[in-house]
Amino acid sequence: MFNVLRSEDQQRGANRTVRFEGEKLGGPVSFFIVDAEPGQGSMLHVHPYSETWIVRKGEAEFTVGGETTRGYPGDVVVAAADIPHRFENVGDGRLELICVHPNGRILQQNL
């Protein structure tokens, strides 16, 4: 058996980001599909699980704990559980990023 969430039924935020929580369809994984303008990104936050970012387009700066790194198309970056982290579009164009949460719900504490 399977469940399908069609593209036209996905709710997008003001910056075109899609938030998907797998629990709603019986799945153990949640994610954001980010579509951000230059300068946009997430605020500093933590999760009780690791977060994996997959850069699809653009250039992102990731801050995890006190360290930063850049991510480019095709790169995968992982932040450990309970470590404050964030990302920002530091490129000239749009940033397309998938943020994978290994949990049926997104559990996030903004700092």
PDB file of N, CA and C in Angstrom:
ATOM      1  N   MET A   1       0.842  -1.186   0.000  1.00  0.00           N
ATOM      2  CA  MET A   1       0.000   0.000   0.000  1.00  0.00           C
ATOM      3  C   MET A   1       0.883   1.244   0.000  1.00  0.00           C
ATOM      4  N   PHE A   2       0.396   2.294  -0.620  1.00  0.00           N
ATOM      5  CA  PHE A   2       1.151   3.542  -0.629  1.00  0.00           C
ATOM      6  C   PHE A   2       0.193   4.722  -0.517  1.00  0.00           C
ATOM      7  N   ASN A   3       0.757   5.862  -0.138  1.00  0.00           N
ATOM      8  CA  ASN A   3       0.038   7.128  -0.069  1.00  0.00           C
ATOM      9  C   ASN A   3       0.771   8.123  -0.949  1.00  0.00           C
ATOM     10  N   VAL A   4       0.036   9.048  -1.551  1.00  0.00           N
ATOM     11  CA  VAL A   4       0.631  10.029  -2.452  1.00  0.00           C
ATOM     12  C   VAL A   4       0.177  11.422  -2.042  1.00  0.00           C
ATOM     13  N   LEU A   5       1.114  12.349  -1.962  1.00  0.00           N
ATOM     14  CA  LEU A   5       0.802  13.762  -1.766  1.00  0.00           C
ATOM     15  C   LEU A   5       1.189  14.463  -3.063  1.00  0.00           C
ATOM     16  N   ARG A   6       0.210  14.815  -3.839  1.00  0.00           N
ATOM     17  CA  ARG A   6       0.441  15.435  -5.148  1.00  0.00           C
ATOM     18  C   ARG A   6       1.034  16.836  -4.985  1.00  0.00           C
ATOM     19  N   SER A   7       1.813  17.231  -5.967  1.00  0.00           N
ATOM     20  CA  SER A   7       2.466  18.535  -5.951  1.00  0.00           C
ATOM     21  C   SER A   7       1.480  19.670  -5.717  1.00  0.00           C
ATOM     22  N   GLU A   8       0.346  19.608  -6.382  1.00  0.00           N
ATOM     23  CA  GLU A   8      -0.642  20.690  -6.243  1.00  0.00           C
ATOM     24  C   GLU A   8      -1.272  20.746  -4.853  1.00  0.00           C
ATOM     25  N   ASP A   9      -1.113  19.687  -4.063  1.00  0.00           N
ATOM     26  CA  ASP A   9      -1.672  19.650  -2.708  1.00  0.00           C
ATOM     27  C   ASP A   9      -0.643  20.002  -1.635  1.00  0.00           C
ATOM     28  N   GLN A  10       0.592  20.219  -2.025  1.00  0.00           N
ATOM     29  CA  GLN A  10       1.632  20.562  -1.060  1.00  0.00           C
ATOM     30  C   GLN A  10       1.519  22.031  -0.685  1.00  0.00           C
ATOM     31  N   GLN A  11       1.586  22.298   0.597  1.00  0.00           N
ATOM     32  CA  GLN A  11       1.491  23.680   1.072  1.00  0.00           C
ATOM     33  C   GLN A  11       2.868  24.315   1.047  1.00  0.00           C
ATOM     34  N   ARG A  12       2.941  25.486   0.432  1.00  0.00           N
ATOM     35  CA  ARG A  12       4.192  26.220   0.350  1.00  0.00           C
ATOM     36  C   ARG A  12       4.121  27.452   1.237  1.00  0.00           C
ATOM     37  N   GLY A  13       5.246  27.746   1.889  1.00  0.00           N
ATOM     38  CA  GLY A  13       5.331  28.930   2.721  1.00  0.00           C
ATOM     39  C   GLY A  13       5.496  30.171   1.864  1.00  0.00           C
ATOM     40  N   ALA A  14       5.636  31.308   2.516  1.00  0.00           N
ATOM     41  CA  ALA A  14       5.757  32.589   1.828  1.00  0.00           C
ATOM     42  C   ALA A  14       6.959  32.614   0.883  1.00  0.00           C
ATOM     43  N   ASN A  15       8.040  31.889   1.232  1.00  0.00           N
ATOM     44  CA  ASN A  15       9.236  31.874   0.373  1.00  0.00           C
ATOM     45  C   ASN A  15       9.275  30.642  -0.529  1.00  0.00           C
ATOM     46  N   ARG A  16       8.139  30.015  -0.773  1.00  0.00           N
ATOM     47  CA  ARG A  16       7.976  28.866  -1.669  1.00  0.00           C
ATOM     48  C   ARG A  16       8.531  27.563  -1.100  1.00  0.00           C
ATOM     49  N   THR A  17       8.850  27.528   0.197  1.00  0.00           N
ATOM     50  CA  THR A  17       9.357  26.315   0.823  1.00  0.00           C
ATOM     51  C   THR A  17       8.211  25.367   1.156  1.00  0.00           C
ATOM     52  N   VAL A  18       8.399  24.095   0.823  1.00  0.00           N
ATOM     53  CA  VAL A  18       7.430  23.041   1.138  1.00  0.00           C
ATOM     54  C   VAL A  18       7.867  22.350   2.425  1.00  0.00           C
ATOM     55  N   ARG A  19       6.919  22.163   3.337  1.00  0.00           N
ATOM     56  CA  ARG A  19       7.166  21.408   4.573  1.00  0.00           C
ATOM     57  C   ARG A  19       6.361  20.121   4.496  1.00  0.00           C
ATOM     58  N   PHE A  20       7.044  18.982   4.628  1.00  0.00           N
ATOM     59  CA  PHE A  20       6.378  17.683   4.585  1.00  0.00           C
ATOM     60  C   PHE A  20       6.700  16.915   5.852  1.00  0.00           C
ATOM     61  N   GLU A  21       5.664  16.445   6.537  1.00  0.00           N
ATOM     62  CA  GLU A  21       5.845  15.600   7.708  1.00  0.00           C
ATOM     63  C   GLU A  21       5.325  14.207   7.365  1.00  0.00           C
ATOM     64  N   GLY A  22       6.228  13.237   7.360  1.00  0.00           N
ATOM     65  CA  GLY A  22       5.920  11.886   6.927  1.00  0.00           C
ATOM     66  C   GLY A  22       4.850  11.183   7.725  1.00  0.00           C
ATOM     67  N   GLU A  23       4.729  11.532   8.992  1.00  0.00           N
ATOM     68  CA  GLU A  23       3.737  10.895   9.863  1.00  0.00           C
ATOM     69  C   GLU A  23       2.329  10.971   9.279  1.00  0.00           C
ATOM     70  N   LYS A  24       2.043  12.059   8.590  1.00  0.00           N
ATOM     71  CA  LYS A  24       0.704  12.262   8.024  1.00  0.00           C
ATOM     72  C   LYS A  24       0.362  11.228   6.955  1.00  0.00           C
ATOM     73  N   LEU A  25       1.406  10.671   6.314  1.00  0.00           N
ATOM     74  CA  LEU A  25       1.184   9.647   5.288  1.00  0.00           C
ATOM     75  C   LEU A  25       1.706   8.279   5.723  1.00  0.00           C
ATOM     76  N   GLY A  26       2.026   8.153   6.999  1.00  0.00           N
ATOM     77  CA  GLY A  26       2.498   6.878   7.513  1.00  0.00           C
ATOM     78  C   GLY A  26       3.981   6.632   7.322  1.00  0.00           C
ATOM     79  N   GLY A  27       4.755   7.683   7.067  1.00  0.00           N
ATOM     80  CA  GLY A  27       6.193   7.539   6.834  1.00  0.00           C
ATOM     81  C   GLY A  27       7.030   8.011   8.004  1.00  0.00           C
ATOM     82  N   PRO A  28       8.258   7.502   8.138  1.00  0.00           N
ATOM     83  CA  PRO A  28       9.142   7.855   9.247  1.00  0.00           C
ATOM     84  C   PRO A  28      10.106   9.011   8.964  1.00  0.00           C
ATOM     85  N   VAL A  29       9.962   9.676   7.815  1.00  0.00           N
ATOM     86  CA  VAL A  29      10.891  10.740   7.423  1.00  0.00           C
ATOM     87  C   VAL A  29      10.106  11.996   7.063  1.00  0.00           C
ATOM     88  N   SER A  30      10.648  13.153   7.442  1.00  0.00           N
ATOM     89  CA  SER A  30      10.061  14.447   7.100  1.00  0.00           C
ATOM     90  C   SER A  30      11.118  15.273   6.375  1.00  0.00           C
ATOM     91  N   PHE A  31      10.685  16.354   5.706  1.00  0.00           N
ATOM     92  CA  PHE A  31      11.660  17.193   5.005  1.00  0.00           C
ATOM     93  C   PHE A  31      11.079  18.561   4.671  1.00  0.00           C
ATOM     94  N   PHE A  32      11.987  19.475   4.369  1.00  0.00           N
ATOM     95  CA  PHE A  32      11.665  20.751   3.750  1.00  0.00           C
ATOM     96  C   PHE A  32      12.248  20.712   2.345  1.00  0.00           C
ATOM     97  N   ILE A  33      11.534  21.262   1.375  1.00  0.00           N
ATOM     98  CA  ILE A  33      12.103  21.545   0.061  1.00  0.00           C
ATOM     99  C   ILE A  33      12.190  23.066   0.005  1.00  0.00           C
ATOM    100  N   VAL A  34      13.400  23.578   0.096  1.00  0.00           N
ATOM    101  CA  VAL A  34      13.642  25.016   0.202  1.00  0.00           C
ATOM    102  C   VAL A  34      13.873  25.599  -1.186  1.00  0.00           C
ATOM    103  N   ASP A  35      13.295  26.763  -1.424  1.00  0.00           N
ATOM    104  CA  ASP A  35      13.482  27.538  -2.651  1.00  0.00           C
ATOM    105  C   ASP A  35      13.663  28.976  -2.198  1.00  0.00           C
ATOM    106  N   ALA A  36      14.913  29.372  -1.927  1.00  0.00           N
ATOM    107  CA  ALA A  36      15.187  30.634  -1.238  1.00  0.00           C
ATOM    108  C   ALA A  36      15.909  31.650  -2.118  1.00  0.00           C
ATOM    109  N   GLU A  37      15.554  32.895  -1.935  1.00  0.00           N
ATOM    110  CA  GLU A  37      16.223  34.027  -2.576  1.00  0.00           C
ATOM    111  C   GLU A  37      17.593  34.249  -1.932  1.00  0.00           C
ATOM    112  N   PRO A  38      18.508  34.941  -2.606  1.00  0.00           N
ATOM    113  CA  PRO A  38      19.779  35.296  -1.983  1.00  0.00           C
ATOM    114  C   PRO A  38      19.544  36.019  -0.648  1.00  0.00           C
ATOM    115  N   GLY A  39      20.333  35.633   0.348  1.00  0.00           N
ATOM    116  CA  GLY A  39      20.215  36.231   1.677  1.00  0.00           C
ATOM    117  C   GLY A  39      19.221  35.531   2.587  1.00  0.00           C
ATOM    118  N   GLN A  40      18.334  34.714   2.040  1.00  0.00           N
ATOM    119  CA  GLN A  40      17.363  34.003   2.875  1.00  0.00           C
ATOM    120  C   GLN A  40      17.985  32.730   3.431  1.00  0.00           C
ATOM    121  N   GLY A  41      17.402  32.245   4.510  1.00  0.00           N
ATOM    122  CA  GLY A  41      17.848  31.006   5.112  1.00  0.00           C
ATOM    123  C   GLY A  41      17.047  30.715   6.361  1.00  0.00           C
ATOM    124  N   SER A  42      17.559  29.814   7.150  1.00  0.00           N
ATOM    125  CA  SER A  42      16.875  29.447   8.391  1.00  0.00           C
ATOM    126  C   SER A  42      17.476  30.222   9.549  1.00  0.00           C
ATOM    127  N   MET A  43      16.702  30.314  10.620  1.00  0.00           N
ATOM    128  CA  MET A  43      17.252  30.874  11.846  1.00  0.00           C
ATOM    129  C   MET A  43      18.008  29.766  12.571  1.00  0.00           C
ATOM    130  N   LEU A  44      18.816  30.135  13.537  1.00  0.00           N
ATOM    131  CA  LEU A  44      19.555  29.162  14.323  1.00  0.00           C
ATOM    132  C   LEU A  44      18.555  28.304  15.091  1.00  0.00           C
ATOM    133  N   HIS A  45      18.736  26.982  15.026  1.00  0.00           N
ATOM    134  CA  HIS A  45      17.794  26.066  15.674  1.00  0.00           C
ATOM    135  C   HIS A  45      18.482  24.735  15.974  1.00  0.00           C
ATOM    136  N   VAL A  46      17.776  23.864  16.725  1.00  0.00           N
ATOM    137  CA  VAL A  46      18.286  22.526  17.027  1.00  0.00           C
ATOM    138  C   VAL A  46      17.164  21.510  16.841  1.00  0.00           C
ATOM    139  N   HIS A  47      17.570  20.251  16.657  1.00  0.00           N
ATOM    140  CA  HIS A  47      16.656  19.111  16.583  1.00  0.00           C
ATOM    141  C   HIS A  47      17.207  18.005  17.484  1.00  0.00           C
ATOM    142  N   PRO A  48      16.341  17.129  17.991  1.00  0.00           N
ATOM    143  CA  PRO A  48      16.834  15.996  18.788  1.00  0.00           C
ATOM    144  C   PRO A  48      17.335  14.843  17.917  1.00  0.00           C
ATOM    145  N   TYR A  49      17.527  15.097  16.647  1.00  0.00           N
ATOM    146  CA  TYR A  49      18.034  14.128  15.678  1.00  0.00           C
ATOM    147  C   TYR A  49      18.924  14.881  14.699  1.00  0.00           C
ATOM    148  N   SER A  50      19.704  14.172  13.910  1.00  0.00           N
ATOM    149  CA  SER A  50      20.547  14.834  12.914  1.00  0.00           C
ATOM    150  C   SER A  50      19.679  15.390  11.788  1.00  0.00           C
ATOM    151  N   GLU A  51      20.202  16.370  11.092  1.00  0.00           N
ATOM    152  CA  GLU A  51      19.536  16.913   9.902  1.00  0.00           C
ATOM    153  C   GLU A  51      20.502  16.798   8.731  1.00  0.00           C
ATOM    154  N   THR A  52      19.987  16.345   7.600  1.00  0.00           N
ATOM    155  CA  THR A  52      20.800  16.195   6.399  1.00  0.00           C
ATOM    156  C   THR A  52      20.302  17.168   5.344  1.00  0.00           C
ATOM    157  N   TRP A  53      21.225  17.947   4.778  1.00  0.00           N
ATOM    158  CA  TRP A  53      20.897  18.889   3.713  1.00  0.00           C
ATOM    159  C   TRP A  53      21.446  18.358   2.396  1.00  0.00           C
ATOM    160  N   ILE A  54      20.663  18.475   1.348  1.00  0.00           N
ATOM    161  CA  ILE A  54      21.100  18.113   0.004  1.00  0.00           C
ATOM    162  C   ILE A  54      20.948  19.367  -0.857  1.00  0.00           C
ATOM    163  N   VAL A  55      22.048  19.891  -1.337  1.00  0.00           N
ATOM    164  CA  VAL A  55      22.016  21.101  -2.158  1.00  0.00           C
ATOM    165  C   VAL A  55      21.695  20.696  -3.594  1.00  0.00           C
ATOM    166  N   ARG A  56      20.641  21.250  -4.143  1.00  0.00           N
ATOM    167  CA  ARG A  56      20.237  20.945  -5.512  1.00  0.00           C
ATOM    168  C   ARG A  56      20.659  22.039  -6.492  1.00  0.00           C
ATOM    169  N   LYS A  57      20.629  23.303  -6.023  1.00  0.00           N
ATOM    170  CA  LYS A  57      20.952  24.437  -6.896  1.00  0.00           C
ATOM    171  C   LYS A  57      21.400  25.595  -6.022  1.00  0.00           C
ATOM    172  N   GLY A  58      22.399  26.336  -6.479  1.00  0.00           N
ATOM    173  CA  GLY A  58      22.838  27.524  -5.758  1.00  0.00           C
ATOM    174  C   GLY A  58      24.010  27.253  -4.837  1.00  0.00           C
ATOM    175  N   GLU A  59      24.209  28.187  -3.925  1.00  0.00           N
ATOM    176  CA  GLU A  59      25.321  28.121  -2.978  1.00  0.00           C
ATOM    177  C   GLU A  59      24.810  28.464  -1.589  1.00  0.00           C
ATOM    178  N   ALA A  60      25.078  27.582  -0.631  1.00  0.00           N
ATOM    179  CA  ALA A  60      24.611  27.794   0.736  1.00  0.00           C
ATOM    180  C   ALA A  60      25.792  27.830   1.690  1.00  0.00           C
ATOM    181  N   GLU A  61      25.628  28.611   2.743  1.00  0.00           N
ATOM    182  CA  GLU A  61      26.576  28.560   3.848  1.00  0.00           C
ATOM    183  C   GLU A  61      25.870  27.893   5.015  1.00  0.00           C
ATOM    184  N   PHE A  62      26.499  26.857   5.562  1.00  0.00           N
ATOM    185  CA  PHE A  62      25.948  26.120   6.686  1.00  0.00           C
ATOM    186  C   PHE A  62      26.758  26.436   7.926  1.00  0.00           C
ATOM    187  N   THR A  63      26.079  26.703   9.017  1.00  0.00           N
ATOM    188  CA  THR A  63      26.727  26.904  10.305  1.00  0.00           C
ATOM    189  C   THR A  63      26.234  25.796  11.220  1.00  0.00           C
ATOM    190  N   VAL A  64      27.168  25.029  11.763  1.00  0.00           N
ATOM    191  CA  VAL A  64      26.846  23.937  12.678  1.00  0.00           C
ATOM    192  C   VAL A  64      27.775  24.095  13.874  1.00  0.00           C
ATOM    193  N   GLY A  65      27.178  24.345  15.053  1.00  0.00           N
ATOM    194  CA  GLY A  65      28.006  24.672  16.206  1.00  0.00           C
ATOM    195  C   GLY A  65      28.756  25.951  15.894  1.00  0.00           C
ATOM    196  N   GLY A  66      30.032  25.982  16.078  1.00  0.00           N
ATOM    197  CA  GLY A  66      30.833  27.163  15.769  1.00  0.00           C
ATOM    198  C   GLY A  66      31.538  27.096  14.429  1.00  0.00           C
ATOM    199  N   GLU A  67      31.199  26.118  13.598  1.00  0.00           N
ATOM    200  CA  GLU A  67      31.881  25.942  12.316  1.00  0.00           C
ATOM    201  C   GLU A  67      30.976  26.301  11.142  1.00  0.00           C
ATOM    202  N   THR A  68      31.581  26.747  10.045  1.00  0.00           N
ATOM    203  CA  THR A  68      30.818  27.020   8.822  1.00  0.00           C
ATOM    204  C   THR A  68      31.467  26.296   7.655  1.00  0.00           C
ATOM    205  N   THR A  69      30.640  25.998   6.659  1.00  0.00           N
ATOM    206  CA  THR A  69      31.123  25.417   5.410  1.00  0.00           C
ATOM    207  C   THR A  69      30.192  25.854   4.296  1.00  0.00           C
ATOM    208  N   ARG A  70      30.666  25.796   3.087  1.00  0.00           N
ATOM    209  CA  ARG A  70      29.846  26.110   1.909  1.00  0.00           C
ATOM    210  C   ARG A  70      29.369  24.820   1.280  1.00  0.00           C
ATOM    211  N   GLY A  71      28.172  24.861   0.699  1.00  0.00           N
ATOM    212  CA  GLY A  71      27.629  23.731  -0.026  1.00  0.00           C
ATOM    213  C   GLY A  71      27.234  24.160  -1.427  1.00  0.00           C
ATOM    214  N   TYR A  72      27.489  23.280  -2.395  1.00  0.00           N
ATOM    215  CA  TYR A  72      27.229  23.543  -3.811  1.00  0.00           C
ATOM    216  C   TYR A  72      26.383  22.409  -4.385  1.00  0.00           C
ATOM    217  N   PRO A  73      25.818  22.577  -5.575  1.00  0.00           N
ATOM    218  CA  PRO A  73      24.947  21.538  -6.137  1.00  0.00           C
ATOM    219  C   PRO A  73      25.560  20.137  -6.064  1.00  0.00           C
ATOM    220  N   GLY A  74      24.774  19.219  -5.520  1.00  0.00           N
ATOM    221  CA  GLY A  74      25.203  17.839  -5.360  1.00  0.00           C
ATOM    222  C   GLY A  74      25.829  17.525  -4.011  1.00  0.00           C
ATOM    223  N   ASP A  75      26.194  18.560  -3.241  1.00  0.00           N
ATOM    224  CA  ASP A  75      26.805  18.339  -1.928  1.00  0.00           C
ATOM    225  C   ASP A  75      25.757  17.889  -0.912  1.00  0.00           C
ATOM    226  N   VAL A  76      26.206  17.082   0.045  1.00  0.00           N
ATOM    227  CA  VAL A  76      25.383  16.635   1.163  1.00  0.00           C
ATOM    228  C   VAL A  76      26.097  17.057   2.439  1.00  0.00           C
ATOM    229  N   VAL A  77      25.367  17.728   3.334  1.00  0.00           N
ATOM    230  CA  VAL A  77      25.920  18.208   4.603  1.00  0.00           C
ATOM    231  C   VAL A  77      25.039  17.659   5.719  1.00  0.00           C
ATOM    232  N   VAL A  78      25.674  17.154   6.787  1.00  0.00           N
ATOM    233  CA  VAL A  78      24.923  16.590   7.906  1.00  0.00           C
ATOM    234  C   VAL A  78      25.285  17.325   9.189  1.00  0.00           C
ATOM    235  N   ALA A  79      24.253  17.753   9.928  1.00  0.00           N
ATOM    236  CA  ALA A  79      24.431  18.382  11.239  1.00  0.00           C
ATOM    237  C   ALA A  79      24.028  17.368  12.301  1.00  0.00           C
ATOM    238  N   ALA A  80      24.851  17.199  13.316  1.00  0.00           N
ATOM    239  CA  ALA A  80      24.573  16.251  14.389  1.00  0.00           C
ATOM    240  C   ALA A  80      23.384  16.710  15.235  1.00  0.00           C
ATOM    241  N   ALA A  81      22.775  15.763  15.914  1.00  0.00           N
ATOM    242  CA  ALA A  81      21.651  16.046  16.803  1.00  0.00           C
ATOM    243  C   ALA A  81      22.071  17.001  17.915  1.00  0.00           C
ATOM    244  N   ASP A  82      21.139  17.858  18.310  1.00  0.00           N
ATOM    245  CA  ASP A  82      21.289  18.747  19.467  1.00  0.00           C
ATOM    246  C   ASP A  82      22.409  19.777  19.322  1.00  0.00           C
ATOM    247  N   ILE A  83      22.879  20.024  18.106  1.00  0.00           N
ATOM    248  CA  ILE A  83      23.895  21.053  17.853  1.00  0.00           C
ATOM    249  C   ILE A  83      23.208  22.199  17.101  1.00  0.00           C
ATOM    250  N   PRO A  84      23.280  23.439  17.617  1.00  0.00           N
ATOM    251  CA  PRO A  84      22.652  24.556  16.906  1.00  0.00           C
ATOM    252  C   PRO A  84      23.196  24.678  15.485  1.00  0.00           C
ATOM    253  N   HIS A  85      22.286  24.911  14.547  1.00  0.00           N
ATOM    254  CA  HIS A  85      22.689  25.008  13.142  1.00  0.00           C
ATOM    255  C   HIS A  85      21.730  25.897  12.356  1.00  0.00           C
ATOM    256  N   ARG A  86      22.203  26.299  11.174  1.00  0.00           N
ATOM    257  CA  ARG A  86      21.402  27.129  10.271  1.00  0.00           C
ATOM    258  C   ARG A  86      22.028  27.079   8.882  1.00  0.00           C
ATOM    259  N   PHE A  87      21.306  27.617   7.904  1.00  0.00           N
ATOM    260  CA  PHE A  87      21.863  27.762   6.562  1.00  0.00           C
ATOM    261  C   PHE A  87      21.422  29.097   6.003  1.00  0.00           C
ATOM    262  N   GLU A  88      22.156  29.579   4.996  1.00  0.00           N
ATOM    263  CA  GLU A  88      21.810  30.830   4.314  1.00  0.00           C
ATOM    264  C   GLU A  88      22.208  30.732   2.852  1.00  0.00           C
ATOM    265  N   ASN A  89      21.381  31.289   1.981  1.00  0.00           N
ATOM    266  CA  ASN A  89      21.713  31.387   0.567  1.00  0.00           C
ATOM    267  C   ASN A  89      22.729  32.512   0.405  1.00  0.00           C
ATOM    268  N   VAL A  90      23.967  32.144   0.076  1.00  0.00           N
ATOM    269  CA  VAL A  90      25.024  33.142  -0.098  1.00  0.00           C
ATOM    270  C   VAL A  90      25.385  33.319  -1.564  1.00  0.00           C
ATOM    271  N   GLY A  91      24.631  32.707  -2.446  1.00  0.00           N
ATOM    272  CA  GLY A  91      24.882  32.841  -3.875  1.00  0.00           C
ATOM    273  C   GLY A  91      24.132  34.011  -4.487  1.00  0.00           C
ATOM    274  N   ASP A  92      24.297  34.183  -5.791  1.00  0.00           N
ATOM    275  CA  ASP A  92      23.633  35.263  -6.521  1.00  0.00           C
ATOM    276  C   ASP A  92      22.239  34.871  -6.999  1.00  0.00           C
ATOM    277  N   GLY A  93      21.974  33.576  -7.105  1.00  0.00           N
ATOM    278  CA  GLY A  93      20.678  33.095  -7.591  1.00  0.00           C
ATOM    279  C   GLY A  93      19.914  32.379  -6.496  1.00  0.00           C
ATOM    280  N   ARG A  94      18.862  31.689  -6.899  1.00  0.00           N
ATOM    281  CA  ARG A  94      18.023  30.955  -5.961  1.00  0.00           C
ATOM    282  C   ARG A  94      18.765  29.735  -5.403  1.00  0.00           C
ATOM    283  N   LEU A  95      18.433  29.385  -4.182  1.00  0.00           N
ATOM    284  CA  LEU A  95      18.964  28.191  -3.534  1.00  0.00           C
ATOM    285  C   LEU A  95      17.858  27.150  -3.465  1.00  0.00           C
ATOM    286  N   GLU A  96      18.124  25.972  -4.009  1.00  0.00           N
ATOM    287  CA  GLU A  96      17.213  24.844  -3.871  1.00  0.00           C
ATOM    288  C   GLU A  96      17.924  23.817  -3.000  1.00  0.00           C
ATOM    289  N   LEU A  97      17.252  23.456  -1.919  1.00  0.00           N
ATOM    290  CA  LEU A  97      17.856  22.643  -0.881  1.00  0.00           C
ATOM    291  C   LEU A  97      16.796  21.703  -0.328  1.00  0.00           C
ATOM    292  N   ILE A  98      17.171  20.469  -0.052  1.00  0.00           N
ATOM    293  CA  ILE A  98      16.276  19.535   0.627  1.00  0.00           C
ATOM    294  C   ILE A  98      16.850  19.315   2.021  1.00  0.00           C
ATOM    295  N   CYS A  99      16.023  19.492   3.041  1.00  0.00           N
ATOM    296  CA  CYS A  99      16.424  19.335   4.441  1.00  0.00           C
ATOM    297  C   CYS A  99      15.721  18.100   4.983  1.00  0.00           C
ATOM    298  N   VAL A 100      16.466  17.031   5.213  1.00  0.00           N
ATOM    299  CA  VAL A 100      15.894  15.744   5.603  1.00  0.00           C
ATOM    300  C   VAL A 100      15.926  15.590   7.125  1.00  0.00           C
ATOM    301  N   HIS A 101      14.758  15.229   7.673  1.00  0.00           N
ATOM    302  CA  HIS A 101      14.594  15.001   9.110  1.00  0.00           C
ATOM    303  C   HIS A 101      14.192  13.541   9.306  1.00  0.00           C
ATOM    304  N   PRO A 102      15.036  12.725   9.962  1.00  0.00           N
ATOM    305  CA  PRO A 102      14.729  11.303  10.125  1.00  0.00           C
ATOM    306  C   PRO A 102      13.718  11.051  11.241  1.00  0.00           C
ATOM    307  N   ASN A 103      12.549  11.636  11.072  1.00  0.00           N
ATOM    308  CA  ASN A 103      11.493  11.520  12.063  1.00  0.00           C
ATOM    309  C   ASN A 103      10.158  11.760  11.367  1.00  0.00           C
ATOM    310  N   GLY A 104       9.119  11.171  11.840  1.00  0.00           N
ATOM    311  CA  GLY A 104       7.796  11.349  11.242  1.00  0.00           C
ATOM    312  C   GLY A 104       7.243  12.755  11.381  1.00  0.00           C
ATOM    313  N   ARG A 105       7.784  13.515  12.322  1.00  0.00           N
ATOM    314  CA  ARG A 105       7.404  14.926  12.514  1.00  0.00           C
ATOM    315  C   ARG A 105       8.667  15.760  12.610  1.00  0.00           C
ATOM    316  N   ILE A 106       8.570  17.012  12.206  1.00  0.00           N
ATOM    317  CA  ILE A 106       9.706  17.917  12.342  1.00  0.00           C
ATOM    318  C   ILE A 106       9.676  18.486  13.756  1.00  0.00           C
ATOM    319  N   LEU A 107      10.703  18.169  14.521  1.00  0.00           N
ATOM    320  CA  LEU A 107      10.839  18.645  15.890  1.00  0.00           C
ATOM    321  C   LEU A 107      11.974  19.669  15.910  1.00  0.00           C
ATOM    322  N   GLN A 108      11.624  20.933  16.076  1.00  0.00           N
ATOM    323  CA  GLN A 108      12.609  22.000  15.946  1.00  0.00           C
ATOM    324  C   GLN A 108      12.417  23.028  17.042  1.00  0.00           C
ATOM    325  N   GLN A 109      13.527  23.399  17.673  1.00  0.00           N
ATOM    326  CA  GLN A 109      13.520  24.482  18.658  1.00  0.00           C
ATOM    327  C   GLN A 109      14.348  25.627  18.106  1.00  0.00           C
ATOM    328  N   ASN A 110      13.684  26.755  17.825  1.00  0.00           N
ATOM    329  CA  ASN A 110      14.393  27.928  17.313  1.00  0.00           C
ATOM    330  C   ASN A 110      15.095  28.625  18.468  1.00  0.00           C
ATOM    331  N   LEU A 111      16.295  29.100  18.203  1.00  0.00           N
ATOM    332  CA  LEU A 111      17.105  29.749  19.246  1.00  0.00           C
ATOM    333  C   LEU A 111      17.157  31.252  19.057  1.00  0.00           C
TER     334      LEU A 111
END
